[in-house]
PDB file of all heavy atoms in Angstrom:
ATOM      1  N   HIS A   1     103.642 107.135 143.423  1.00  0.00           N
ATOM      2  CA  HIS A   1     104.739 107.441 142.507  1.00  0.00           C
ATOM      3  C   HIS A   1     106.053 106.771 142.906  1.00  0.00           C
ATOM      4  O   HIS A   1     107.105 107.081 142.353  1.00  0.00           O
ATOM      5  CB  HIS A   1     104.935 108.960 142.433  1.00  0.00           C
ATOM      6  CG  HIS A   1     103.718 109.691 141.939  1.00  0.00           C
ATOM      7  ND1 HIS A   1     103.332 109.687 140.627  1.00  0.00           N
ATOM      8  CD2 HIS A   1     102.785 110.412 142.619  1.00  0.00           C
ATOM      9  CE1 HIS A   1     102.223 110.402 140.490  1.00  0.00           C
ATOM     10  NE2 HIS A   1     101.868 110.850 141.680  1.00  0.00           N
ATOM     11  N   GLY A   2     106.014 105.857 143.825  1.00  0.00           N
ATOM     12  CA  GLY A   2     107.229 105.144 144.209  1.00  0.00           C
ATOM     13  C   GLY A   2     108.134 105.974 145.099  1.00  0.00           C
ATOM     14  O   GLY A   2     107.685 106.889 145.793  1.00  0.00           O
ATOM     15  N   ARG A   3     109.395 105.675 145.071  1.00  0.00           N
ATOM     16  CA  ARG A   3     110.355 106.353 145.934  1.00  0.00           C
ATOM     17  C   ARG A   3     110.392 107.849 145.613  1.00  0.00           C
ATOM     18  O   ARG A   3     110.515 108.247 144.467  1.00  0.00           O
ATOM     19  CB  ARG A   3     111.750 105.753 145.749  1.00  0.00           C
ATOM     20  CG  ARG A   3     111.819 104.257 146.047  1.00  0.00           C
ATOM     21  CD  ARG A   3     113.249 103.757 145.942  1.00  0.00           C
ATOM     22  NE  ARG A   3     113.862 104.054 144.654  1.00  0.00           N
ATOM     23  CZ  ARG A   3     115.161 103.906 144.382  1.00  0.00           C
ATOM     24  NH1 ARG A   3     115.979 103.477 145.325  1.00  0.00           N
ATOM     25  NH2 ARG A   3     115.639 104.180 143.181  1.00  0.00           N
ATOM     26  N   ARG A   4     110.333 108.674 146.652  1.00  0.00           N
ATOM     27  CA  ARG A   4     110.307 110.116 146.437  1.00  0.00           C
ATOM     28  C   ARG A   4     111.313 110.799 147.357  1.00  0.00           C
ATOM     29  O   ARG A   4     111.438 110.436 148.538  1.00  0.00           O
ATOM     30  CB  ARG A   4     108.920 110.694 146.697  1.00  0.00           C
ATOM     31  CG  ARG A   4     108.838 112.216 146.487  1.00  0.00           C
ATOM     32  CD  ARG A   4     107.455 112.734 146.783  1.00  0.00           C
ATOM     33  NE  ARG A   4     106.487 112.276 145.803  1.00  0.00           N
ATOM     34  CZ  ARG A   4     106.154 112.977 144.703  1.00  0.00           C
ATOM     35  NH1 ARG A   4     106.732 114.130 144.447  1.00  0.00           N
ATOM     36  NH2 ARG A   4     105.255 112.494 143.876  1.00  0.00           N
ATOM     37  N   VAL A   5     112.010 111.786 146.822  1.00  0.00           N
ATOM     38  CA  VAL A   5     112.902 112.611 147.623  1.00  0.00           C
ATOM     39  C   VAL A   5     112.432 114.061 147.499  1.00  0.00           C
ATOM     40  O   VAL A   5     112.093 114.536 146.412  1.00  0.00           O
ATOM     41  CB  VAL A   5     114.377 112.460 147.186  1.00  0.00           C
ATOM     42  CG1 VAL A   5     114.564 112.766 145.710  1.00  0.00           C
ATOM     43  CG2 VAL A   5     115.275 113.364 148.016  1.00  0.00           C
ATOM     44  N   VAL A   6     112.378 114.740 148.633  1.00  0.00           N
ATOM     45  CA  VAL A   6     111.898 116.117 148.693  1.00  0.00           C
ATOM     46  C   VAL A   6     113.061 117.029 149.098  1.00  0.00           C
ATOM     47  O   VAL A   6     113.736 116.779 150.098  1.00  0.00           O
ATOM     48  CB  VAL A   6     110.746 116.266 149.710  1.00  0.00           C
ATOM     49  CG1 VAL A   6     110.304 117.723 149.801  1.00  0.00           C
ATOM     50  CG2 VAL A   6     109.575 115.366 149.320  1.00  0.00           C
ATOM     51  N   LEU A   7     113.293 118.073 148.309  1.00  0.00           N
ATOM     52  CA  LEU A   7     114.300 119.073 148.633  1.00  0.00           C
ATOM     53  C   LEU A   7     113.615 120.282 149.257  1.00  0.00           C
ATOM     54  O   LEU A   7     112.718 120.877 148.658  1.00  0.00           O
ATOM     55  CB  LEU A   7     115.049 119.504 147.366  1.00  0.00           C
ATOM     56  CG  LEU A   7     115.927 120.768 147.474  1.00  0.00           C
ATOM     57  CD1 LEU A   7     116.982 120.610 148.558  1.00  0.00           C
ATOM     58  CD2 LEU A   7     116.566 121.103 146.132  1.00  0.00           C
ATOM     59  N   VAL A   8     114.054 120.636 150.476  1.00  0.00           N
ATOM     60  CA  VAL A   8     113.534 121.823 151.157  1.00  0.00           C
ATOM     61  C   VAL A   8     114.687 122.804 151.345  1.00  0.00           C
ATOM     62  O   VAL A   8     115.562 122.594 152.188  1.00  0.00           O
ATOM     63  CB  VAL A   8     112.903 121.472 152.524  1.00  0.00           C
ATOM     64  CG1 VAL A   8     112.290 122.727 153.142  1.00  0.00           C
ATOM     65  CG2 VAL A   8     111.850 120.391 152.375  1.00  0.00           C
ATOM     66  N   ASP A   9     114.681 123.859 150.535  1.00  0.00           N
ATOM     67  CA  ASP A   9     115.698 124.908 150.679  1.00  0.00           C
ATOM     68  C   ASP A   9     115.276 125.831 151.824  1.00  0.00           C
ATOM     69  O   ASP A   9     114.096 126.158 151.965  1.00  0.00           O
ATOM     70  CB  ASP A   9     115.798 125.697 149.370  1.00  0.00           C
ATOM     71  CG  ASP A   9     117.219 126.144 149.082  1.00  0.00           C
ATOM     72  OD1 ASP A   9     118.125 125.841 149.885  1.00  0.00           O
ATOM     73  OD2 ASP A   9     117.429 126.784 148.040  1.00  0.00           O
ATOM     74  N   ASP A  10     116.246 126.249 152.648  1.00  0.00           N
ATOM     75  CA  ASP A  10     115.960 127.066 153.835  1.00  0.00           C
ATOM     76  C   ASP A  10     115.011 126.337 154.787  1.00  0.00           C
ATOM     77  O   ASP A  10     113.984 126.884 155.224  1.00  0.00           O
ATOM     78  CB  ASP A  10     115.378 128.428 153.437  1.00  0.00           C
ATOM     79  CG  ASP A  10     116.410 129.329 152.769  1.00  0.00           C
ATOM     80  OD1 ASP A  10     117.599 129.214 153.113  1.00  0.00           O
ATOM     81  OD2 ASP A  10     116.028 130.133 151.903  1.00  0.00           O
ATOM     82  N   LEU A  11     115.382 125.140 155.111  1.00  0.00           N
ATOM     83  CA  LEU A  11     114.559 124.294 155.989  1.00  0.00           C
ATOM     84  C   LEU A  11     114.314 124.955 157.337  1.00  0.00           C
ATOM     85  O   LEU A  11     113.269 124.735 157.969  1.00  0.00           O
ATOM     86  CB  LEU A  11     115.262 122.943 156.182  1.00  0.00           C
ATOM     87  CG  LEU A  11     114.580 121.912 157.089  1.00  0.00           C
ATOM     88  CD1 LEU A  11     113.251 121.462 156.504  1.00  0.00           C
ATOM     89  CD2 LEU A  11     115.500 120.714 157.320  1.00  0.00           C
ATOM     90  N   HIS A  12     115.259 125.777 157.799  1.00  0.00           N
ATOM     91  CA  HIS A  12     115.120 126.415 159.105  1.00  0.00           C
ATOM     92  C   HIS A  12     113.896 127.334 159.189  1.00  0.00           C
ATOM     93  O   HIS A  12     113.443 127.668 160.279  1.00  0.00           O
ATOM     94  CB  HIS A  12     116.380 127.210 159.442  1.00  0.00           C
ATOM     95  CG  HIS A  12     116.801 128.175 158.368  1.00  0.00           C
ATOM     96  ND1 HIS A  12     117.488 127.767 157.249  1.00  0.00           N
ATOM     97  CD2 HIS A  12     116.617 129.508 158.229  1.00  0.00           C
ATOM     98  CE1 HIS A  12     117.717 128.806 156.469  1.00  0.00           C
ATOM     99  NE2 HIS A  12     117.200 129.866 157.044  1.00  0.00           N
ATOM    100  N   LEU A  13     113.346 127.750 158.031  1.00  0.00           N
ATOM    101  CA  LEU A  13     112.179 128.629 158.016  1.00  0.00           C
ATOM    102  C   LEU A  13     110.851 127.876 157.979  1.00  0.00           C
ATOM    103  O   LEU A  13     109.785 128.492 157.998  1.00  0.00           O
ATOM    104  CB  LEU A  13     112.238 129.553 156.786  1.00  0.00           C
ATOM    105  CG  LEU A  13     113.439 130.504 156.687  1.00  0.00           C
ATOM    106  CD1 LEU A  13     113.377 131.291 155.384  1.00  0.00           C
ATOM    107  CD2 LEU A  13     113.496 131.448 157.885  1.00  0.00           C
ATOM    108  N   LEU A  14     110.904 126.549 157.926  1.00  0.00           N
ATOM    109  CA  LEU A  14     109.689 125.763 157.752  1.00  0.00           C
ATOM    110  C   LEU A  14     108.758 125.901 158.958  1.00  0.00           C
ATOM    111  O   LEU A  14     109.202 125.865 160.097  1.00  0.00           O
ATOM    112  CB  LEU A  14     110.051 124.294 157.543  1.00  0.00           C
ATOM    113  CG  LEU A  14     108.966 123.393 156.940  1.00  0.00           C
ATOM    114  CD1 LEU A  14     108.597 123.840 155.531  1.00  0.00           C
ATOM    115  CD2 LEU A  14     109.425 121.945 156.944  1.00  0.00           C
ATOM    116  N   ASP A  15     107.468 126.059 158.690  1.00  0.00           N
ATOM    117  CA  ASP A  15     106.486 126.206 159.768  1.00  0.00           C
ATOM    118  C   ASP A  15     106.281 124.876 160.494  1.00  0.00           C
ATOM    119  O   ASP A  15     106.604 123.796 159.976  1.00  0.00           O
ATOM    120  CB  ASP A  15     105.152 126.704 159.206  1.00  0.00           C
ATOM    121  CG  ASP A  15     104.518 125.712 158.247  1.00  0.00           C
ATOM    122  OD1 ASP A  15     104.920 125.702 157.064  1.00  0.00           O
ATOM    123  OD2 ASP A  15     103.665 124.939 158.680  1.00  0.00           O
ATOM    124  N   ALA A  16     105.718 124.950 161.687  1.00  0.00           N
ATOM    125  CA  ALA A  16     105.588 123.775 162.547  1.00  0.00           C
ATOM    126  C   ALA A  16     104.696 122.702 161.929  1.00  0.00           C
ATOM    127  O   ALA A  16     105.020 121.503 161.983  1.00  0.00           O
ATOM    128  CB  ALA A  16     105.037 124.193 163.911  1.00  0.00           C
ATOM    129  N   ALA A  17     103.578 123.100 161.328  1.00  0.00           N
ATOM    130  CA  ALA A  17     102.655 122.112 160.765  1.00  0.00           C
ATOM    131  C   ALA A  17     103.305 121.337 159.625  1.00  0.00           C
ATOM    132  O   ALA A  17     103.172 120.105 159.533  1.00  0.00           O
ATOM    133  CB  ALA A  17     101.385 122.803 160.274  1.00  0.00           C
ATOM    134  N   SER A  18     104.020 122.049 158.745  1.00  0.00           N
ATOM    135  CA  SER A  18     104.708 121.383 157.639  1.00  0.00           C
ATOM    136  C   SER A  18     105.794 120.451 158.154  1.00  0.00           C
ATOM    137  O   SER A  18     106.011 119.357 157.609  1.00  0.00           O
ATOM    138  CB  SER A  18     105.321 122.424 156.694  1.00  0.00           C
ATOM    139  OG  SER A  18     104.333 123.215 156.084  1.00  0.00           O
ATOM    140  N   THR A  19     106.468 120.877 159.211  1.00  0.00           N
ATOM    141  CA  THR A  19     107.528 120.057 159.789  1.00  0.00           C
ATOM    142  C   THR A  19     106.972 118.744 160.333  1.00  0.00           C
ATOM    143  O   THR A  19     107.572 117.676 160.149  1.00  0.00           O
ATOM    144  CB  THR A  19     108.236 120.826 160.919  1.00  0.00           C
ATOM    145  OG1 THR A  19     108.716 122.065 160.421  1.00  0.00           O
ATOM    146  CG2 THR A  19     109.406 120.020 161.467  1.00  0.00           C
ATOM    147  N   VAL A  20     105.814 118.828 160.990  1.00  0.00           N
ATOM    148  CA  VAL A  20     105.188 117.616 161.539  1.00  0.00           C
ATOM    149  C   VAL A  20     104.830 116.644 160.417  1.00  0.00           C
ATOM    150  O   VAL A  20     105.065 115.424 160.519  1.00  0.00           O
ATOM    151  CB  VAL A  20     103.940 117.987 162.361  1.00  0.00           C
ATOM    152  CG1 VAL A  20     103.155 116.723 162.718  1.00  0.00           C
ATOM    153  CG2 VAL A  20     104.340 118.728 163.630  1.00  0.00           C
ATOM    154  N   VAL A  21     104.259 117.156 159.327  1.00  0.00           N
ATOM    155  CA  VAL A  21     103.888 116.285 158.205  1.00  0.00           C
ATOM    156  C   VAL A  21     105.126 115.622 157.611  1.00  0.00           C
ATOM    157  O   VAL A  21     105.132 114.415 157.334  1.00  0.00           O
ATOM    158  CB  VAL A  21     103.130 117.083 157.127  1.00  0.00           C
ATOM    159  CG1 VAL A  21     102.924 116.232 155.867  1.00  0.00           C
ATOM    160  CG2 VAL A  21     101.786 117.553 157.663  1.00  0.00           C
ATOM    161  N   LEU A  22     106.189 116.399 157.416  1.00  0.00           N
ATOM    162  CA  LEU A  22     107.430 115.815 156.874  1.00  0.00           C
ATOM    163  C   LEU A  22     107.978 114.748 157.810  1.00  0.00           C
ATOM    164  O   LEU A  22     108.451 113.695 157.358  1.00  0.00           O
ATOM    165  CB  LEU A  22     108.477 116.915 156.650  1.00  0.00           C
ATOM    166  CG  LEU A  22     108.373 117.722 155.367  1.00  0.00           C
ATOM    167  CD1 LEU A  22     109.503 118.737 155.295  1.00  0.00           C
ATOM    168  CD2 LEU A  22     108.412 116.819 154.138  1.00  0.00           C
ATOM    169  N   ARG A  23     107.927 115.009 159.104  1.00  0.00           N
ATOM    170  CA  ARG A  23     108.415 114.030 160.072  1.00  0.00           C
ATOM    171  C   ARG A  23     107.633 112.720 159.945  1.00  0.00           C
ATOM    172  O   ARG A  23     108.210 111.627 159.961  1.00  0.00           O
ATOM    173  CB  ARG A  23     108.253 114.600 161.482  1.00  0.00           C
ATOM    174  CG  ARG A  23     108.602 113.663 162.628  1.00  0.00           C
ATOM    175  CD  ARG A  23     110.101 113.556 162.828  1.00  0.00           C
ATOM    176  NE  ARG A  23     110.716 112.493 162.070  1.00  0.00           N
ATOM    177  CZ  ARG A  23     112.027 112.321 161.987  1.00  0.00           C
ATOM    178  NH1 ARG A  23     112.865 113.140 162.590  1.00  0.00           N
ATOM    179  NH2 ARG A  23     112.525 111.322 161.284  1.00  0.00           N
ATOM    180  N   GLN A  24     106.334 112.816 159.798  1.00  0.00           N
ATOM    181  CA  GLN A  24     105.506 111.618 159.658  1.00  0.00           C
ATOM    182  C   GLN A  24     105.832 110.868 158.366  1.00  0.00           C
ATOM    183  O   GLN A  24     105.899 109.638 158.350  1.00  0.00           O
ATOM    184  CB  GLN A  24     104.031 112.018 159.677  1.00  0.00           C
ATOM    185  CG  GLN A  24     103.546 112.518 161.029  1.00  0.00           C
ATOM    186  CD  GLN A  24     102.127 113.063 160.960  1.00  0.00           C
ATOM    187  OE1 GLN A  24     101.749 113.709 159.991  1.00  0.00           O
ATOM    188  NE2 GLN A  24     101.334 112.796 161.997  1.00  0.00           N
ATOM    189  N   LEU A  25     106.034 111.618 157.290  1.00  0.00           N
ATOM    190  CA  LEU A  25     106.359 110.990 156.005  1.00  0.00           C
ATOM    191  C   LEU A  25     107.704 110.288 156.055  1.00  0.00           C
ATOM    192  O   LEU A  25     107.892 109.204 155.495  1.00  0.00           O
ATOM    193  CB  LEU A  25     106.342 112.032 154.890  1.00  0.00           C
ATOM    194  CG  LEU A  25     104.981 112.640 154.556  1.00  0.00           C
ATOM    195  CD1 LEU A  25     105.142 113.804 153.581  1.00  0.00           C
ATOM    196  CD2 LEU A  25     104.045 111.579 153.978  1.00  0.00           C
ATOM    197  N   LEU A  26     108.649 110.888 156.742  1.00  0.00           N
ATOM    198  CA  LEU A  26     109.969 110.271 156.896  1.00  0.00           C
ATOM    199  C   LEU A  26     109.858 108.983 157.711  1.00  0.00           C
ATOM    200  O   LEU A  26     110.416 107.943 157.338  1.00  0.00           O
ATOM    201  CB  LEU A  26     110.932 111.245 157.576  1.00  0.00           C
ATOM    202  CG  LEU A  26     111.426 112.436 156.757  1.00  0.00           C
ATOM    203  CD1 LEU A  26     112.190 113.413 157.650  1.00  0.00           C
ATOM    204  CD2 LEU A  26     112.332 111.979 155.623  1.00  0.00           C
ATOM    205  N   ASP A  27     109.152 109.072 158.824  1.00  0.00           N
ATOM    206  CA  ASP A  27     109.020 107.899 159.699  1.00  0.00           C
ATOM    207  C   ASP A  27     108.290 106.756 159.005  1.00  0.00           C
ATOM    208  O   ASP A  27     108.551 105.572 159.277  1.00  0.00           O
ATOM    209  CB  ASP A  27     108.291 108.283 160.983  1.00  0.00           C
ATOM    210  CG  ASP A  27     109.128 109.182 161.883  1.00  0.00           C
ATOM    211  OD1 ASP A  27     110.354 109.230 161.687  1.00  0.00           O
ATOM    212  OD2 ASP A  27     108.542 109.839 162.770  1.00  0.00           O
ATOM    213  N   ALA A  28     107.364 107.107 158.096  1.00  0.00           N
ATOM    214  CA  ALA A  28     106.614 106.078 157.372  1.00  0.00           C
ATOM    215  C   ALA A  28     107.397 105.531 156.181  1.00  0.00           C
ATOM    216  O   ALA A  28     106.937 104.586 155.523  1.00  0.00           O
ATOM    217  CB  ALA A  28     105.284 106.657 156.894  1.00  0.00           C
ATOM    218  N   GLY A  29     108.558 106.106 155.916  1.00  0.00           N
ATOM    219  CA  GLY A  29     109.373 105.640 154.790  1.00  0.00           C
ATOM    220  C   GLY A  29     108.823 106.047 153.440  1.00  0.00           C
ATOM    221  O   GLY A  29     109.201 105.477 152.406  1.00  0.00           O
ATOM    222  N   VAL A  30     107.941 107.043 153.410  1.00  0.00           N
ATOM    223  CA  VAL A  30     107.336 107.479 152.148  1.00  0.00           C
ATOM    224  C   VAL A  30     108.276 108.386 151.363  1.00  0.00           C
ATOM    225  O   VAL A  30     108.282 108.383 150.137  1.00  0.00           O
ATOM    226  CB  VAL A  30     105.993 108.201 152.420  1.00  0.00           C
ATOM    227  CG1 VAL A  30     105.387 108.745 151.130  1.00  0.00           C
ATOM    228  CG2 VAL A  30     105.025 107.258 153.111  1.00  0.00           C
ATOM    229  N   VAL A  31     109.071 109.200 152.065  1.00  0.00           N
ATOM    230  CA  VAL A  31     109.991 110.125 151.399  1.00  0.00           C
ATOM    231  C   VAL A  31     111.356 110.083 152.074  1.00  0.00           C
ATOM    232  O   VAL A  31     111.501 109.608 153.209  1.00  0.00           O
ATOM    233  CB  VAL A  31     109.468 111.586 151.428  1.00  0.00           C
ATOM    234  CG1 VAL A  31     108.095 111.698 150.789  1.00  0.00           C
ATOM    235  CG2 VAL A  31     109.474 112.137 152.851  1.00  0.00           C
ATOM    236  N   ARG A  32     112.325 110.577 151.335  1.00  0.00           N
ATOM    237  CA  ARG A  32     113.606 110.988 151.907  1.00  0.00           C
ATOM    238  C   ARG A  32     113.707 112.500 151.725  1.00  0.00           C
ATOM    239  O   ARG A  32     113.065 113.071 150.835  1.00  0.00           O
ATOM    240  CB  ARG A  32     114.770 110.288 151.209  1.00  0.00           C
ATOM    241  CG  ARG A  32     115.087 108.897 151.756  1.00  0.00           C
ATOM    242  CD  ARG A  32     116.339 108.348 151.103  1.00  0.00           C
ATOM    243  NE  ARG A  32     116.835 107.162 151.774  1.00  0.00           N
ATOM    244  CZ  ARG A  32     117.978 106.573 151.461  1.00  0.00           C
ATOM    245  NH1 ARG A  32     118.735 107.048 150.477  1.00  0.00           N
ATOM    246  NH2 ARG A  32     118.376 105.496 152.112  1.00  0.00           N
ATOM    247  N   LEU A  33     114.522 113.123 152.564  1.00  0.00           N
ATOM    248  CA  LEU A  33     114.555 114.583 152.614  1.00  0.00           C
ATOM    249  C   LEU A  33     115.980 115.094 152.386  1.00  0.00           C
ATOM    250  O   LEU A  33     116.943 114.548 152.926  1.00  0.00           O
ATOM    251  CB  LEU A  33     114.043 115.056 153.973  1.00  0.00           C
ATOM    252  CG  LEU A  33     113.954 116.555 154.239  1.00  0.00           C
ATOM    253  CD1 LEU A  33     113.005 117.221 153.252  1.00  0.00           C
ATOM    254  CD2 LEU A  33     113.486 116.796 155.672  1.00  0.00           C
ATOM    255  N   ILE A  34     116.092 116.135 151.570  1.00  0.00           N
ATOM    256  CA  ILE A  34     117.327 116.909 151.441  1.00  0.00           C
ATOM    257  C   ILE A  34     116.990 118.321 151.891  1.00  0.00           C
ATOM    258  O   ILE A  34     116.045 118.938 151.376  1.00  0.00           O
ATOM    259  CB  ILE A  34     117.848 116.936 149.986  1.00  0.00           C
ATOM    260  CG1 ILE A  34     118.179 115.521 149.506  1.00  0.00           C
ATOM    261  CG2 ILE A  34     119.078 117.837 149.881  1.00  0.00           C
ATOM    262  CD1 ILE A  34     118.538 115.454 148.023  1.00  0.00           C
ATOM    263  N   GLY A  35     117.735 118.857 152.852  1.00  0.00           N
ATOM    264  CA  GLY A  35     117.430 120.191 153.358  1.00  0.00           C
ATOM    265  C   GLY A  35     118.664 121.054 153.473  1.00  0.00           C
ATOM    266  O   GLY A  35     119.766 120.555 153.731  1.00  0.00           O
ATOM    267  N   THR A  36     118.501 122.352 153.239  1.00  0.00           N
ATOM    268  CA  THR A  36     119.587 123.309 153.458  1.00  0.00           C
ATOM    269  C   THR A  36     119.214 124.196 154.632  1.00  0.00           C
ATOM    270  O   THR A  36     118.055 124.585 154.788  1.00  0.00           O
ATOM    271  CB  THR A  36     119.844 124.175 152.220  1.00  0.00           C
ATOM    272  OG1 THR A  36     118.720 125.042 151.981  1.00  0.00           O
ATOM    273  CG2 THR A  36     120.104 123.317 150.992  1.00  0.00           C
ATOM    274  N   ILE A  37     120.215 124.516 155.454  1.00  0.00           N
ATOM    275  CA  ILE A  37     119.977 125.280 156.675  1.00  0.00           C
ATOM    276  C   ILE A  37     121.098 126.300 156.824  1.00  0.00           C
ATOM    277  O   ILE A  37     122.285 125.945 156.781  1.00  0.00           O
ATOM    278  CB  ILE A  37     119.961 124.358 157.910  1.00  0.00           C
ATOM    279  CG1 ILE A  37     118.812 123.341 157.773  1.00  0.00           C
ATOM    280  CG2 ILE A  37     119.808 125.163 159.187  1.00  0.00           C
ATOM    281  CD1 ILE A  37     119.015 122.090 158.569  1.00  0.00           C
ATOM    282  N   ARG A  38     120.722 127.558 156.968  1.00  0.00           N
ATOM    283  CA  ARG A  38     121.730 128.612 157.129  1.00  0.00           C
ATOM    284  C   ARG A  38     122.255 128.626 158.554  1.00  0.00           C
ATOM    285  O   ARG A  38     121.481 128.717 159.524  1.00  0.00           O
ATOM    286  CB  ARG A  38     121.137 129.979 156.796  1.00  0.00           C
ATOM    287  CG  ARG A  38     122.154 131.124 156.889  1.00  0.00           C
ATOM    288  CD  ARG A  38     121.535 132.460 156.581  1.00  0.00           C
ATOM    289  NE  ARG A  38     121.045 132.516 155.220  1.00  0.00           N
ATOM    290  CZ  ARG A  38     120.471 133.597 154.684  1.00  0.00           C
ATOM    291  NH1 ARG A  38     120.321 134.686 155.425  1.00  0.00           N
ATOM    292  NH2 ARG A  38     120.063 133.573 153.434  1.00  0.00           N
ATOM    293  N   CYS A  39     123.557 128.533 158.695  1.00  0.00           N
ATOM    294  CA  CYS A  39     124.177 128.575 160.018  1.00  0.00           C
ATOM    295  C   CYS A  39     123.941 129.944 160.662  1.00  0.00           C
ATOM    296  O   CYS A  39     123.885 130.966 159.980  1.00  0.00           O
ATOM    297  CB  CYS A  39     125.676 128.310 159.908  1.00  0.00           C
ATOM    298  SG  CYS A  39     126.098 126.606 159.542  1.00  0.00           S
ATOM    299  N   GLY A  40     123.817 129.950 161.979  1.00  0.00           N
ATOM    300  CA  GLY A  40     123.639 131.192 162.704  1.00  0.00           C
ATOM    301  C   GLY A  40     122.205 131.645 162.815  1.00  0.00           C
ATOM    302  O   GLY A  40     121.926 132.663 163.451  1.00  0.00           O
TER     303      GLY A  40
END
């Protein structure tokens, strides 16, 4: 589908397995990421 951007609201709650997959996708240049994180 070409260039893709993924929005993850409350990124701080993301589980470890999902985080690893996102990290791989970012490193491969497949996606860009927008994330929100609650301070504290």
